N, C-alpha and C. Protein backbone atom coordinates (compact mmCIF):
# COMPACT_ATOMS: atom_id res chain seq x y z
N MET A 1 32.66 -10.12 -14.82
CA MET A 1 32.29 -9.55 -13.54
C MET A 1 33.18 -8.35 -13.26
N TYR A 2 32.62 -7.39 -12.53
CA TYR A 2 33.34 -6.18 -12.17
C TYR A 2 33.19 -5.89 -10.68
N LEU A 3 34.18 -5.19 -10.14
CA LEU A 3 34.10 -4.67 -8.78
C LEU A 3 34.10 -3.15 -8.89
N ILE A 4 33.03 -2.54 -8.42
CA ILE A 4 32.93 -1.09 -8.38
C ILE A 4 33.28 -0.66 -6.96
N LYS A 5 34.25 0.24 -6.84
CA LYS A 5 34.61 0.85 -5.56
C LYS A 5 34.26 2.32 -5.65
N ALA A 6 33.27 2.72 -4.89
CA ALA A 6 32.84 4.12 -4.89
C ALA A 6 33.22 4.74 -3.54
N ILE A 7 34.04 5.77 -3.59
CA ILE A 7 34.41 6.49 -2.37
C ILE A 7 33.62 7.79 -2.38
N VAL A 8 32.76 7.95 -1.36
CA VAL A 8 31.82 9.07 -1.35
C VAL A 8 31.80 9.75 0.03
N ARG A 9 31.16 10.90 0.07
CA ARG A 9 30.98 11.62 1.34
C ARG A 9 30.08 10.78 2.26
N PRO A 10 30.39 10.76 3.55
CA PRO A 10 29.57 9.97 4.48
C PRO A 10 28.09 10.35 4.48
N GLU A 11 27.80 11.62 4.30
CA GLU A 11 26.40 12.07 4.33
C GLU A 11 25.61 11.61 3.09
N LYS A 12 26.29 11.07 2.08
CA LYS A 12 25.62 10.57 0.89
C LYS A 12 25.38 9.06 0.94
N LYS A 13 25.92 8.40 1.95
CA LYS A 13 25.85 6.94 2.03
C LYS A 13 24.42 6.41 2.01
N ASP A 14 23.57 6.89 2.89
CA ASP A 14 22.21 6.35 3.00
C ASP A 14 21.41 6.55 1.72
N GLU A 15 21.49 7.74 1.14
CA GLU A 15 20.78 8.00 -0.11
C GLU A 15 21.29 7.09 -1.22
N LEU A 16 22.60 6.95 -1.30
CA LEU A 16 23.19 6.13 -2.35
C LEU A 16 22.79 4.65 -2.19
N LEU A 17 22.84 4.13 -0.98
CA LEU A 17 22.44 2.74 -0.75
C LEU A 17 20.96 2.53 -1.08
N TYR A 18 20.14 3.49 -0.72
CA TYR A 18 18.70 3.43 -1.03
C TYR A 18 18.48 3.38 -2.54
N GLU A 19 19.16 4.24 -3.27
CA GLU A 19 19.00 4.31 -4.72
C GLU A 19 19.56 3.06 -5.41
N LEU A 20 20.68 2.56 -4.92
CA LEU A 20 21.25 1.33 -5.48
C LEU A 20 20.27 0.17 -5.28
N ALA A 21 19.70 0.06 -4.08
CA ALA A 21 18.73 -1.00 -3.80
C ALA A 21 17.51 -0.85 -4.69
N GLY A 22 17.05 0.39 -4.87
CA GLY A 22 15.90 0.65 -5.73
C GLY A 22 16.15 0.27 -7.18
N ALA A 23 17.41 0.30 -7.58
CA ALA A 23 17.78 -0.08 -8.95
C ALA A 23 18.09 -1.57 -9.04
N GLY A 24 17.91 -2.30 -7.92
CA GLY A 24 18.11 -3.75 -7.93
C GLY A 24 19.47 -4.22 -7.47
N PHE A 25 20.30 -3.31 -6.95
CA PHE A 25 21.64 -3.67 -6.50
C PHE A 25 21.68 -3.63 -4.97
N HIS A 26 21.32 -4.75 -4.35
CA HIS A 26 21.21 -4.84 -2.90
C HIS A 26 22.50 -5.27 -2.23
N ALA A 27 23.30 -6.07 -2.92
CA ALA A 27 24.49 -6.66 -2.33
C ALA A 27 25.66 -5.69 -2.39
N VAL A 28 25.98 -5.09 -1.25
CA VAL A 28 27.08 -4.12 -1.17
C VAL A 28 27.88 -4.38 0.10
N THR A 29 29.09 -3.88 0.11
CA THR A 29 29.90 -3.84 1.32
C THR A 29 30.23 -2.38 1.57
N VAL A 30 30.07 -1.93 2.81
CA VAL A 30 30.32 -0.54 3.15
C VAL A 30 31.46 -0.49 4.17
N VAL A 31 32.46 0.35 3.88
CA VAL A 31 33.62 0.49 4.74
C VAL A 31 33.86 1.97 5.01
N GLU A 32 34.02 2.34 6.27
CA GLU A 32 34.38 3.71 6.60
C GLU A 32 35.89 3.86 6.41
N VAL A 33 36.28 4.88 5.65
CA VAL A 33 37.69 5.11 5.34
C VAL A 33 38.02 6.58 5.56
N VAL A 34 39.31 6.90 5.52
CA VAL A 34 39.76 8.30 5.53
C VAL A 34 40.75 8.48 4.41
N GLY A 35 40.87 9.70 3.94
CA GLY A 35 41.82 9.97 2.87
C GLY A 35 41.75 11.41 2.43
N ARG A 36 42.45 11.69 1.35
CA ARG A 36 42.42 13.03 0.78
C ARG A 36 42.56 12.89 -0.73
N GLY A 37 42.10 13.90 -1.43
CA GLY A 37 42.18 13.91 -2.88
C GLY A 37 43.15 14.95 -3.37
N LYS A 38 42.89 15.44 -4.56
CA LYS A 38 43.76 16.41 -5.19
C LYS A 38 43.89 17.71 -4.40
N GLN A 39 42.87 18.02 -3.59
CA GLN A 39 42.89 19.27 -2.84
C GLN A 39 43.83 19.21 -1.63
N LYS A 40 44.44 18.05 -1.40
CA LYS A 40 45.44 17.87 -0.33
C LYS A 40 44.87 18.12 1.06
N GLY A 41 43.65 17.78 1.28
CA GLY A 41 43.03 17.96 2.59
C GLY A 41 42.27 19.26 2.67
N ILE A 42 41.88 19.62 3.89
CA ILE A 42 41.11 20.84 4.13
C ILE A 42 41.89 21.71 5.11
N ASN A 43 42.01 22.99 4.80
CA ASN A 43 42.69 23.95 5.67
C ASN A 43 41.63 24.77 6.37
N LEU A 44 41.50 24.58 7.69
CA LEU A 44 40.53 25.33 8.49
C LEU A 44 41.26 26.04 9.63
N GLY A 45 41.27 27.34 9.57
CA GLY A 45 41.91 28.11 10.63
C GLY A 45 43.40 27.84 10.78
N GLY A 46 44.06 27.59 9.68
CA GLY A 46 45.49 27.32 9.71
C GLY A 46 45.86 25.88 10.03
N ILE A 47 44.86 25.04 10.29
CA ILE A 47 45.11 23.63 10.55
C ILE A 47 44.70 22.83 9.32
N VAL A 48 45.59 21.98 8.85
CA VAL A 48 45.30 21.15 7.68
C VAL A 48 44.81 19.78 8.15
N TYR A 49 43.62 19.42 7.70
CA TYR A 49 43.05 18.11 7.98
C TYR A 49 43.21 17.29 6.71
N ASP A 50 44.14 16.33 6.75
CA ASP A 50 44.39 15.56 5.53
C ASP A 50 43.85 14.13 5.62
N GLU A 51 43.18 13.80 6.70
CA GLU A 51 42.49 12.52 6.81
C GLU A 51 41.01 12.81 6.92
N ILE A 52 40.38 12.95 5.76
CA ILE A 52 38.98 13.34 5.68
C ILE A 52 38.11 12.08 5.64
N PRO A 53 37.10 12.00 6.51
CA PRO A 53 36.24 10.81 6.54
C PRO A 53 35.48 10.64 5.22
N LYS A 54 35.46 9.42 4.73
CA LYS A 54 34.71 9.04 3.53
C LYS A 54 34.10 7.66 3.78
N VAL A 55 33.27 7.22 2.86
CA VAL A 55 32.69 5.89 2.88
C VAL A 55 33.04 5.22 1.56
N MET A 56 33.51 3.97 1.63
CA MET A 56 33.78 3.21 0.41
C MET A 56 32.71 2.14 0.29
N ILE A 57 32.02 2.16 -0.85
CA ILE A 57 30.99 1.17 -1.13
C ILE A 57 31.53 0.25 -2.22
N LEU A 58 31.55 -1.04 -1.92
CA LEU A 58 32.05 -2.05 -2.86
C LEU A 58 30.86 -2.84 -3.39
N ILE A 59 30.81 -2.98 -4.72
CA ILE A 59 29.71 -3.70 -5.35
C ILE A 59 30.27 -4.61 -6.43
N ALA A 60 30.05 -5.91 -6.30
CA ALA A 60 30.43 -6.87 -7.34
C ALA A 60 29.23 -7.05 -8.25
N ILE A 61 29.45 -6.86 -9.56
CA ILE A 61 28.33 -6.88 -10.50
C ILE A 61 28.69 -7.65 -11.77
N ARG A 62 27.65 -7.97 -12.52
CA ARG A 62 27.84 -8.57 -13.84
C ARG A 62 28.17 -7.46 -14.84
N GLU A 63 28.82 -7.85 -15.91
CA GLU A 63 29.26 -6.88 -16.93
C GLU A 63 28.13 -6.00 -17.44
N GLU A 64 26.97 -6.60 -17.66
CA GLU A 64 25.85 -5.85 -18.23
C GLU A 64 25.27 -4.80 -17.27
N ASP A 65 25.62 -4.87 -15.99
CA ASP A 65 25.10 -3.91 -15.00
C ASP A 65 26.06 -2.75 -14.72
N LYS A 66 27.24 -2.79 -15.29
CA LYS A 66 28.28 -1.80 -14.96
C LYS A 66 27.80 -0.36 -15.15
N HIS A 67 27.28 -0.05 -16.31
CA HIS A 67 26.90 1.34 -16.58
C HIS A 67 25.71 1.80 -15.73
N ASP A 68 24.80 0.88 -15.42
CA ASP A 68 23.66 1.24 -14.56
C ASP A 68 24.12 1.61 -13.16
N VAL A 69 25.04 0.83 -12.60
CA VAL A 69 25.55 1.11 -11.25
C VAL A 69 26.32 2.43 -11.24
N ILE A 70 27.18 2.63 -12.21
CA ILE A 70 27.95 3.87 -12.28
C ILE A 70 27.02 5.07 -12.41
N ASP A 71 25.97 4.95 -13.21
CA ASP A 71 25.01 6.04 -13.37
C ASP A 71 24.32 6.39 -12.05
N VAL A 72 23.90 5.38 -11.30
CA VAL A 72 23.25 5.63 -10.00
C VAL A 72 24.21 6.36 -9.07
N ILE A 73 25.45 5.92 -9.02
CA ILE A 73 26.44 6.55 -8.14
C ILE A 73 26.68 8.00 -8.56
N LEU A 74 26.88 8.23 -9.85
CA LEU A 74 27.15 9.59 -10.32
C LEU A 74 25.99 10.53 -10.04
N ARG A 75 24.76 10.05 -10.14
CA ARG A 75 23.59 10.90 -9.90
C ARG A 75 23.35 11.19 -8.43
N HIS A 76 23.71 10.25 -7.54
CA HIS A 76 23.29 10.40 -6.15
C HIS A 76 24.42 10.64 -5.17
N ALA A 77 25.66 10.60 -5.61
CA ALA A 77 26.78 10.82 -4.68
C ALA A 77 27.30 12.24 -4.71
N LYS A 78 26.93 13.00 -5.73
CA LYS A 78 27.47 14.36 -5.79
C LYS A 78 26.61 15.33 -4.99
N THR A 79 27.27 16.40 -4.53
CA THR A 79 26.57 17.43 -3.77
C THR A 79 26.16 18.55 -4.72
N GLY A 80 24.92 18.98 -4.58
CA GLY A 80 24.43 20.03 -5.45
C GLY A 80 24.23 19.55 -6.87
N GLU A 81 23.80 20.46 -7.71
CA GLU A 81 23.53 20.10 -9.10
C GLU A 81 24.79 19.81 -9.90
N LYS A 82 25.85 20.56 -9.63
CA LYS A 82 27.09 20.40 -10.40
C LYS A 82 28.15 19.59 -9.68
N GLY A 83 27.94 19.27 -8.41
CA GLY A 83 28.96 18.55 -7.65
C GLY A 83 30.01 19.50 -7.12
N ALA A 84 30.93 18.96 -6.31
CA ALA A 84 31.97 19.77 -5.69
C ALA A 84 33.20 18.91 -5.44
N TYR A 85 34.34 19.60 -5.24
CA TYR A 85 35.55 18.87 -4.85
C TYR A 85 35.26 18.06 -3.60
N GLY A 86 35.79 16.86 -3.56
CA GLY A 86 35.59 16.01 -2.39
C GLY A 86 34.37 15.12 -2.45
N ASP A 87 33.63 15.17 -3.57
CA ASP A 87 32.45 14.31 -3.69
C ASP A 87 32.82 12.84 -3.83
N GLY A 88 34.04 12.54 -4.27
CA GLY A 88 34.47 11.15 -4.30
C GLY A 88 35.01 10.71 -5.64
N LYS A 89 35.16 9.40 -5.74
CA LYS A 89 35.77 8.77 -6.91
C LYS A 89 35.14 7.41 -7.10
N ILE A 90 35.10 6.95 -8.36
CA ILE A 90 34.62 5.60 -8.68
C ILE A 90 35.75 4.86 -9.37
N PHE A 91 36.06 3.68 -8.87
CA PHE A 91 37.08 2.82 -9.48
C PHE A 91 36.40 1.55 -9.97
N VAL A 92 36.75 1.11 -11.16
CA VAL A 92 36.17 -0.10 -11.74
C VAL A 92 37.30 -1.08 -12.03
N SER A 93 37.16 -2.29 -11.49
CA SER A 93 38.15 -3.35 -11.70
C SER A 93 37.44 -4.61 -12.17
N THR A 94 38.15 -5.44 -12.89
CA THR A 94 37.57 -6.73 -13.28
C THR A 94 37.76 -7.74 -12.14
N ILE A 95 36.85 -8.67 -12.07
CA ILE A 95 36.93 -9.78 -11.12
C ILE A 95 37.12 -11.04 -11.95
N ASP A 96 38.20 -11.75 -11.70
CA ASP A 96 38.46 -12.98 -12.45
C ASP A 96 37.62 -14.14 -11.94
N GLU A 97 37.46 -14.22 -10.63
CA GLU A 97 36.68 -15.31 -10.04
C GLU A 97 36.01 -14.80 -8.76
N ALA A 98 34.88 -15.42 -8.43
CA ALA A 98 34.19 -15.14 -7.17
C ALA A 98 33.52 -16.44 -6.72
N TYR A 99 33.46 -16.65 -5.42
CA TYR A 99 32.85 -17.86 -4.85
C TYR A 99 31.99 -17.49 -3.66
N THR A 100 30.89 -18.19 -3.49
CA THR A 100 30.06 -18.05 -2.29
C THR A 100 30.64 -18.99 -1.23
N VAL A 101 30.98 -18.44 -0.09
CA VAL A 101 31.65 -19.23 0.95
C VAL A 101 30.79 -20.40 1.42
N SER A 102 29.51 -20.14 1.69
CA SER A 102 28.67 -21.20 2.26
C SER A 102 28.48 -22.40 1.33
N SER A 103 28.36 -22.14 0.03
CA SER A 103 28.12 -23.25 -0.90
C SER A 103 29.35 -23.68 -1.68
N GLY A 104 30.33 -22.79 -1.77
CA GLY A 104 31.51 -23.07 -2.58
C GLY A 104 31.28 -22.88 -4.07
N LYS A 105 30.08 -22.40 -4.43
CA LYS A 105 29.75 -22.23 -5.84
C LYS A 105 30.40 -20.98 -6.41
N PRO A 106 30.87 -21.10 -7.66
CA PRO A 106 31.48 -19.93 -8.31
C PRO A 106 30.42 -18.96 -8.83
N GLY A 107 30.83 -17.70 -9.02
CA GLY A 107 29.96 -16.68 -9.59
C GLY A 107 29.41 -15.76 -8.52
N LEU A 108 28.64 -14.78 -8.98
CA LEU A 108 28.05 -13.82 -8.05
C LEU A 108 26.77 -14.40 -7.49
């Protein structure tokens, strides 16, 4: 099992969730976050904004679905054809165990 953490622009959230659902990945957690990347924030009119709004989408998946989920995110989270700074990041971690709270059953 894997946990995919995708940090994306807020304006890409709805499209990305729609495309993930269309690809069969309905179970997600969405968290509004702030942060900055390599560009160290945005400088507008001499003011540096270093807490830029983003959305973090968390998806727990089976091993065989990893590349499909990453592909959907890469295709639908970037701005424009080539993408731009600030489009986000994808982190992939392994999940050792998972349980459904209501039933206590292990697995996804």
